[in-house]
């Protein structure tokens, strides 16, 4: 359970390129889906302290499609990655299947995953944050993360920086309105060339 006196922590944890994008110019994600044992270890350590996942409308349909495919037929060729599921992906899928998911959307009407519910307003996330429980994992995408950052609701930013420059694409923080100070908590490099960065946020605007 979080030690944050203001409620549970919301942790934004995302894959990002060196030039700050979460997707390539044509929406490609293959660069972020390469199997990396060190990165998965990092993910599972974080998830041990989490009991809720939140996602935005644009990211959720593909997320649901991919992870339900891992659950239902892990030996088949998966959408987006074009390969069979790894053991770490299977472990994540089973964990996700037991963990409540919340989609923040004003337009999405239905979801297929039994663990998922839809909320219409960011204030519902704020109310959830004040309730007892473990921390909350903000999975993405960029619009959701920016909205939560603009509301001062992100407590921790975890970036897995991939050793690639995409030369365009969707920038993670493009819709964040104000400068915000971050405090480096940990920096760790992996054999794959990725660097894991953990920052805590500070309430003071610069």
C-alpha atoms as a PDB file:
ATOM      1  CA  UNK A   1       0.000   0.000   0.000  1.00  0.00           C
ATOM      2  CA  UNK A   2       1.250   3.451  -0.822  1.00  0.00           C
ATOM      3  CA  UNK A   3       2.885   5.567   1.867  1.00  0.00           C
ATOM      4  CA  UNK A   4       1.743   8.751   0.094  1.00  0.00           C
ATOM      5  CA  UNK A   5      -0.247  10.763   2.656  1.00  0.00           C
ATOM      6  CA  UNK A   6      -2.242  12.379  -0.150  1.00  0.00           C
ATOM      7  CA  UNK A   7      -3.530   8.988  -1.279  1.00  0.00           C
ATOM      8  CA  UNK A   8      -2.333   6.274  -3.572  1.00  0.00           C
ATOM      9  CA  UNK A   9       0.449   7.054  -6.017  1.00  0.00           C
ATOM     10  CA  UNK A  10      -0.303   7.182  -9.724  1.00  0.00           C
ATOM     11  CA  UNK A  11       2.717   5.854 -11.601  1.00  0.00           C
ATOM     12  CA  UNK A  12       3.151   6.603 -15.295  1.00  0.00           C
ATOM     13  CA  UNK A  13       5.427   3.910 -16.728  1.00  0.00           C
ATOM     14  CA  UNK A  14       6.107   3.921 -20.454  1.00  0.00           C
ATOM     15  CA  UNK A  15       8.488   2.874 -23.200  1.00  0.00           C
ATOM     16  CA  UNK A  16      10.035   5.879 -24.948  1.00  0.00           C
ATOM     17  CA  UNK A  17      12.621   6.503 -27.662  1.00  0.00           C
ATOM     18  CA  UNK A  18      15.718   8.635 -27.144  1.00  0.00           C
ATOM     19  CA  UNK A  19      13.938  11.463 -28.971  1.00  0.00           C
ATOM     20  CA  UNK A  20      10.948  11.260 -26.629  1.00  0.00           C
ATOM     21  CA  UNK A  21       8.346   9.417 -28.705  1.00  0.00           C
ATOM     22  CA  UNK A  22       6.105   6.501 -27.729  1.00  0.00           C
ATOM     23  CA  UNK A  23       5.194   5.639 -31.338  1.00  0.00           C
ATOM     24  CA  UNK A  24       6.988   5.988 -34.640  1.00  0.00           C
ATOM     25  CA  UNK A  25       5.795   8.285 -37.469  1.00  0.00           C
ATOM     26  CA  UNK A  26       3.378   5.594 -38.717  1.00  0.00           C
ATOM     27  CA  UNK A  27       2.303   4.389 -35.274  1.00  0.00           C
ATOM     28  CA  UNK A  28       4.893   1.607 -35.212  1.00  0.00           C
ATOM     29  CA  UNK A  29       5.629   0.001 -31.835  1.00  0.00           C
ATOM     30  CA  UNK A  30       7.897  -2.891 -32.845  1.00  0.00           C
ATOM     31  CA  UNK A  31      10.934  -1.129 -31.351  1.00  0.00           C
ATOM     32  CA  UNK A  32       9.297  -1.141 -27.898  1.00  0.00           C
ATOM     33  CA  UNK A  33       8.092  -4.752 -28.036  1.00  0.00           C
ATOM     34  CA  UNK A  34      11.456  -6.529 -28.211  1.00  0.00           C
ATOM     35  CA  UNK A  35      11.810  -9.054 -25.398  1.00  0.00           C
ATOM     36  CA  UNK A  36      14.053  -7.769 -22.587  1.00  0.00           C
ATOM     37  CA  UNK A  37      14.349  -9.772 -19.377  1.00  0.00           C
ATOM     38  CA  UNK A  38      15.714  -6.834 -17.346  1.00  0.00           C
ATOM     39  CA  UNK A  39      12.829  -4.591 -18.381  1.00  0.00           C
ATOM     40  CA  UNK A  40      10.250  -7.227 -17.497  1.00  0.00           C
ATOM     41  CA  UNK A  41      11.860  -7.696 -14.078  1.00  0.00           C
ATOM     42  CA  UNK A  42      11.512  -3.940 -13.557  1.00  0.00           C
ATOM     43  CA  UNK A  43       7.848  -4.063 -14.609  1.00  0.00           C
ATOM     44  CA  UNK A  44       6.932  -6.931 -12.297  1.00  0.00           C
ATOM     45  CA  UNK A  45       8.684  -5.278  -9.342  1.00  0.00           C
ATOM     46  CA  UNK A  46       6.503  -2.193  -9.895  1.00  0.00           C
ATOM     47  CA  UNK A  47       3.319  -4.218 -10.376  1.00  0.00           C
ATOM     48  CA  UNK A  48       3.810  -5.926  -6.998  1.00  0.00           C
ATOM     49  CA  UNK A  49       2.733  -2.589  -5.469  1.00  0.00           C
ATOM     50  CA  UNK A  50      -0.138  -1.874  -7.883  1.00  0.00           C
ATOM     51  CA  UNK A  51      -3.801  -2.913  -7.791  1.00  0.00           C
ATOM     52  CA  UNK A  52      -5.362  -0.803 -10.585  1.00  0.00           C
ATOM     53  CA  UNK A  53      -4.431  -0.011 -14.202  1.00  0.00           C
ATOM     54  CA  UNK A  54      -5.715   3.069 -16.044  1.00  0.00           C
ATOM     55  CA  UNK A  55      -5.641   3.725 -19.780  1.00  0.00           C
ATOM     56  CA  UNK A  56      -6.878   6.300 -22.252  1.00  0.00           C
ATOM     57  CA  UNK A  57      -9.440   5.691 -24.981  1.00  0.00           C
ATOM     58  CA  UNK A  58      -7.001   5.685 -27.909  1.00  0.00           C
ATOM     59  CA  UNK A  59      -4.651   3.148 -26.357  1.00  0.00           C
ATOM     60  CA  UNK A  60      -7.184   0.803 -24.811  1.00  0.00           C
ATOM     61  CA  UNK A  61      -8.631  -1.025 -27.865  1.00  0.00           C
ATOM     62  CA  UNK A  62      -5.218  -2.193 -29.079  1.00  0.00           C
ATOM     63  CA  UNK A  63      -4.150  -3.048 -25.525  1.00  0.00           C
ATOM     64  CA  UNK A  64      -7.274  -5.156 -25.007  1.00  0.00           C
ATOM     65  CA  UNK A  65      -6.872  -6.876 -28.372  1.00  0.00           C
ATOM     66  CA  UNK A  66      -3.235  -7.782 -27.738  1.00  0.00           C
ATOM     67  CA  UNK A  67      -3.476  -9.020 -24.173  1.00  0.00           C
ATOM     68  CA  UNK A  68      -6.722 -10.937 -24.678  1.00  0.00           C
ATOM     69  CA  UNK A  69      -4.997 -12.670 -27.600  1.00  0.00           C
ATOM     70  CA  UNK A  70      -2.126 -13.617 -25.276  1.00  0.00           C
ATOM     71  CA  UNK A  71      -4.635 -15.014 -22.777  1.00  0.00           C
ATOM     72  CA  UNK A  72      -6.763 -16.968 -25.224  1.00  0.00           C
ATOM     73  CA  UNK A  73      -4.098 -18.368 -27.541  1.00  0.00           C
ATOM     74  CA  UNK A  74      -0.514 -17.561 -26.527  1.00  0.00           C
ATOM     75  CA  UNK A  75       0.948 -19.998 -29.067  1.00  0.00           C
ATOM     76  CA  UNK A  76      -0.603 -18.148 -32.025  1.00  0.00           C
ATOM     77  CA  UNK A  77       0.941 -15.234 -33.918  1.00  0.00           C
ATOM     78  CA  UNK A  78      -0.071 -12.112 -32.023  1.00  0.00           C
ATOM     79  CA  UNK A  79      -1.390  -8.852 -33.472  1.00  0.00           C
ATOM     80  CA  UNK A  80       1.092  -5.945 -33.644  1.00  0.00           C
ATOM     81  CA  UNK A  81       4.170  -7.991 -32.651  1.00  0.00           C
ATOM     82  CA  UNK A  82       3.846 -10.698 -35.334  1.00  0.00           C
ATOM     83  CA  UNK A  83       5.203 -13.415 -33.028  1.00  0.00           C
ATOM     84  CA  UNK A  84       4.050 -15.799 -30.316  1.00  0.00           C
ATOM     85  CA  UNK A  85       3.815 -14.623 -26.711  1.00  0.00           C
ATOM     86  CA  UNK A  86       6.856 -14.781 -24.463  1.00  0.00           C
ATOM     87  CA  UNK A  87       6.689 -16.270 -20.974  1.00  0.00           C
ATOM     88  CA  UNK A  88       6.838 -12.757 -19.510  1.00  0.00           C
ATOM     89  CA  UNK A  89       3.939 -11.610 -21.683  1.00  0.00           C
ATOM     90  CA  UNK A  90       1.890 -14.615 -20.588  1.00  0.00           C
ATOM     91  CA  UNK A  91       2.650 -13.810 -16.949  1.00  0.00           C
ATOM     92  CA  UNK A  92       1.643 -10.163 -17.476  1.00  0.00           C
ATOM     93  CA  UNK A  93      -1.566 -11.152 -19.261  1.00  0.00           C
ATOM     94  CA  UNK A  94      -2.653 -13.407 -16.397  1.00  0.00           C
ATOM     95  CA  UNK A  95      -1.824 -10.688 -13.875  1.00  0.00           C
ATOM     96  CA  UNK A  96      -3.774  -8.123 -15.912  1.00  0.00           C
ATOM     97  CA  UNK A  97      -6.715 -10.524 -16.134  1.00  0.00           C
ATOM     98  CA  UNK A  98      -7.022 -10.372 -12.338  1.00  0.00           C
ATOM     99  CA  UNK A  99      -6.425  -6.616 -11.982  1.00  0.00           C
ATOM    100  CA  UNK A 100      -9.091  -3.896 -12.337  1.00  0.00           C
ATOM    101  CA  UNK A 101      -8.630  -1.696 -15.413  1.00  0.00           C
ATOM    102  CA  UNK A 102     -10.164   1.747 -15.856  1.00  0.00           C
ATOM    103  CA  UNK A 103     -10.510   3.497 -19.216  1.00  0.00           C
ATOM    104  CA  UNK A 104     -10.925   7.266 -19.160  1.00  0.00           C
ATOM    105  CA  UNK A 105     -13.143   8.128 -22.125  1.00  0.00           C
ATOM    106  CA  UNK A 106     -16.112  10.319 -22.986  1.00  0.00           C
ATOM    107  CA  UNK A 107     -16.988   8.297 -26.092  1.00  0.00           C
ATOM    108  CA  UNK A 108     -16.110   4.618 -25.570  1.00  0.00           C
ATOM    109  CA  UNK A 109     -19.319   2.655 -24.962  1.00  0.00           C
ATOM    110  CA  UNK A 110     -18.218  -0.907 -24.301  1.00  0.00           C
ATOM    111  CA  UNK A 111     -15.222  -3.111 -23.601  1.00  0.00           C
ATOM    112  CA  UNK A 112     -14.692  -6.850 -23.894  1.00  0.00           C
ATOM    113  CA  UNK A 113     -12.345  -7.462 -20.977  1.00  0.00           C
ATOM    114  CA  UNK A 114     -14.153  -8.473 -17.805  1.00  0.00           C
ATOM    115  CA  UNK A 115     -11.696  -6.556 -15.596  1.00  0.00           C
ATOM    116  CA  UNK A 116     -12.335  -3.206 -17.316  1.00  0.00           C
ATOM    117  CA  UNK A 117     -14.776  -0.395 -16.612  1.00  0.00           C
ATOM    118  CA  UNK A 118     -15.182   3.007 -18.257  1.00  0.00           C
ATOM    119  CA  UNK A 119     -15.151   6.363 -16.456  1.00  0.00           C
ATOM    120  CA  UNK A 120     -16.092   9.654 -18.107  1.00  0.00           C
ATOM    121  CA  UNK A 121     -14.216  12.289 -16.135  1.00  0.00           C
ATOM    122  CA  UNK A 122     -10.713  12.715 -14.743  1.00  0.00           C
ATOM    123  CA  UNK A 123     -12.254  13.637 -11.381  1.00  0.00           C
ATOM    124  CA  UNK A 124     -13.313  10.002 -11.016  1.00  0.00           C
ATOM    125  CA  UNK A 125      -9.626   9.089 -11.183  1.00  0.00           C
ATOM    126  CA  UNK A 126      -8.903  11.698  -8.526  1.00  0.00           C
ATOM    127  CA  UNK A 127     -11.553  10.153  -6.239  1.00  0.00           C
ATOM    128  CA  UNK A 128     -10.069   6.709  -6.830  1.00  0.00           C
ATOM    129  CA  UNK A 129      -6.629   8.044  -5.914  1.00  0.00           C
ATOM    130  CA  UNK A 130      -7.916   9.154  -2.513  1.00  0.00           C
ATOM    131  CA  UNK A 131      -9.345   5.743  -1.663  1.00  0.00           C
ATOM    132  CA  UNK A 132      -7.399   3.113   0.308  1.00  0.00           C
ATOM    133  CA  UNK A 133      -5.395   0.672  -1.737  1.00  0.00           C
ATOM    134  CA  UNK A 134      -2.153   0.044  -3.538  1.00  0.00           C
ATOM    135  CA  UNK A 135      -0.693   2.288  -6.207  1.00  0.00           C
ATOM    136  CA  UNK A 136      -2.235   2.908  -9.640  1.00  0.00           C
ATOM    137  CA  UNK A 137      -0.420   2.173 -12.898  1.00  0.00           C
ATOM    138  CA  UNK A 138      -1.083   4.676 -15.697  1.00  0.00           C
ATOM    139  CA  UNK A 139      -0.357   2.499 -18.723  1.00  0.00           C
ATOM    140  CA  UNK A 140      -0.908   5.247 -21.335  1.00  0.00           C
ATOM    141  CA  UNK A 141      -1.297   6.649 -23.878  1.00  0.00           C
ATOM    142  CA  UNK A 142       0.156  10.109 -24.289  1.00  0.00           C
ATOM    143  CA  UNK A 143      -3.157  11.988 -24.023  1.00  0.00           C
ATOM    144  CA  UNK A 144      -4.044  10.298 -20.724  1.00  0.00           C
ATOM    145  CA  UNK A 145      -0.600  10.903 -19.244  1.00  0.00           C
ATOM    146  CA  UNK A 146      -0.680  14.571 -20.291  1.00  0.00           C
ATOM    147  CA  UNK A 147      -4.169  15.031 -18.830  1.00  0.00           C
ATOM    148  CA  UNK A 148      -3.105  13.550 -15.506  1.00  0.00           C
ATOM    149  CA  UNK A 149       0.117  15.590 -15.487  1.00  0.00           C
ATOM    150  CA  UNK A 150      -1.851  18.782 -16.159  1.00  0.00           C
ATOM    151  CA  UNK A 151      -4.094  17.948 -13.199  1.00  0.00           C
ATOM    152  CA  UNK A 152      -1.095  17.339 -10.921  1.00  0.00           C
ATOM    153  CA  UNK A 153      -2.117  13.713 -10.431  1.00  0.00           C
ATOM    154  CA  UNK A 154       1.029  11.859 -11.540  1.00  0.00           C
ATOM    155  CA  UNK A 155       3.289  11.069  -8.578  1.00  0.00           C
ATOM    156  CA  UNK A 156       5.977   9.045 -10.312  1.00  0.00           C
ATOM    157  CA  UNK A 157       7.260   8.844 -13.881  1.00  0.00           C
ATOM    158  CA  UNK A 158       9.057   5.675 -14.985  1.00  0.00           C
ATOM    159  CA  UNK A 159      10.634   5.818 -18.426  1.00  0.00           C
ATOM    160  CA  UNK A 160      12.247   2.902 -20.191  1.00  0.00           C
ATOM    161  CA  UNK A 161      14.418   4.748 -22.714  1.00  0.00           C
ATOM    162  CA  UNK A 162      15.076   2.575 -25.770  1.00  0.00           C
ATOM    163  CA  UNK A 163      18.328   2.985 -27.720  1.00  0.00           C
ATOM    164  CA  UNK A 164      16.620   4.262 -30.854  1.00  0.00           C
ATOM    165  CA  UNK A 165      15.820   7.605 -32.497  1.00  0.00           C
ATOM    166  CA  UNK A 166      12.502   7.481 -34.348  1.00  0.00           C
ATOM    167  CA  UNK A 167      12.813  10.783 -36.150  1.00  0.00           C
ATOM    168  CA  UNK A 168       9.214  11.729 -35.498  1.00  0.00           C
ATOM    169  CA  UNK A 169       6.041  10.136 -34.190  1.00  0.00           C
ATOM    170  CA  UNK A 170       3.933  10.720 -31.106  1.00  0.00           C
ATOM    171  CA  UNK A 171       5.755  12.677 -28.397  1.00  0.00           C
ATOM    172  CA  UNK A 172       4.944  11.490 -24.879  1.00  0.00           C
ATOM    173  CA  UNK A 173       4.583  14.896 -23.215  1.00  0.00           C
ATOM    174  CA  UNK A 174       3.457  17.046 -26.164  1.00  0.00           C
ATOM    175  CA  UNK A 175       0.177  18.071 -24.453  1.00  0.00           C
ATOM    176  CA  UNK A 176       1.641  18.884 -21.025  1.00  0.00           C
ATOM    177  CA  UNK A 177       0.923  22.589 -20.499  1.00  0.00           C
ATOM    178  CA  UNK A 178       3.459  23.691 -17.891  1.00  0.00           C
ATOM    179  CA  UNK A 179       7.042  23.062 -16.931  1.00  0.00           C
ATOM    180  CA  UNK A 180       7.337  20.734 -13.963  1.00  0.00           C
ATOM    181  CA  UNK A 181      10.290  19.801 -11.802  1.00  0.00           C
ATOM    182  CA  UNK A 182      11.146  16.126 -11.409  1.00  0.00           C
ATOM    183  CA  UNK A 183      13.415  14.495  -8.858  1.00  0.00           C
ATOM    184  CA  UNK A 184      15.547  11.609 -10.063  1.00  0.00           C
ATOM    185  CA  UNK A 185      14.984   8.568  -7.848  1.00  0.00           C
ATOM    186  CA  UNK A 186      16.893   5.954  -9.837  1.00  0.00           C
ATOM    187  CA  UNK A 187      18.763   5.504 -13.111  1.00  0.00           C
ATOM    188  CA  UNK A 188      19.684   2.016 -14.233  1.00  0.00           C
ATOM    189  CA  UNK A 189      21.118   0.718 -17.506  1.00  0.00           C
ATOM    190  CA  UNK A 190      20.359  -2.718 -18.954  1.00  0.00           C
ATOM    191  CA  UNK A 191      22.316  -5.101 -21.170  1.00  0.00           C
ATOM    192  CA  UNK A 192      19.938  -4.356 -24.034  1.00  0.00           C
ATOM    193  CA  UNK A 193      21.037  -0.711 -24.062  1.00  0.00           C
ATOM    194  CA  UNK A 194      17.826   0.495 -22.470  1.00  0.00           C
ATOM    195  CA  UNK A 195      17.993   2.886 -19.527  1.00  0.00           C
ATOM    196  CA  UNK A 196      15.362   2.807 -16.787  1.00  0.00           C
ATOM    197  CA  UNK A 197      14.682   6.217 -15.241  1.00  0.00           C
ATOM    198  CA  UNK A 198      12.434   6.767 -12.222  1.00  0.00           C
ATOM    199  CA  UNK A 199      11.397  10.312 -11.279  1.00  0.00           C
ATOM    200  CA  UNK A 200       9.142  11.587  -8.540  1.00  0.00           C
ATOM    201  CA  UNK A 201       7.117  14.654  -9.405  1.00  0.00           C
ATOM    202  CA  UNK A 202       7.177  17.918  -7.481  1.00  0.00           C
ATOM    203  CA  UNK A 203       4.137  20.125  -7.035  1.00  0.00           C
ATOM    204  CA  UNK A 204       5.982  23.374  -7.666  1.00  0.00           C
ATOM    205  CA  UNK A 205       5.735  24.714 -11.209  1.00  0.00           C
ATOM    206  CA  UNK A 206       8.928  26.387 -12.488  1.00  0.00           C
END
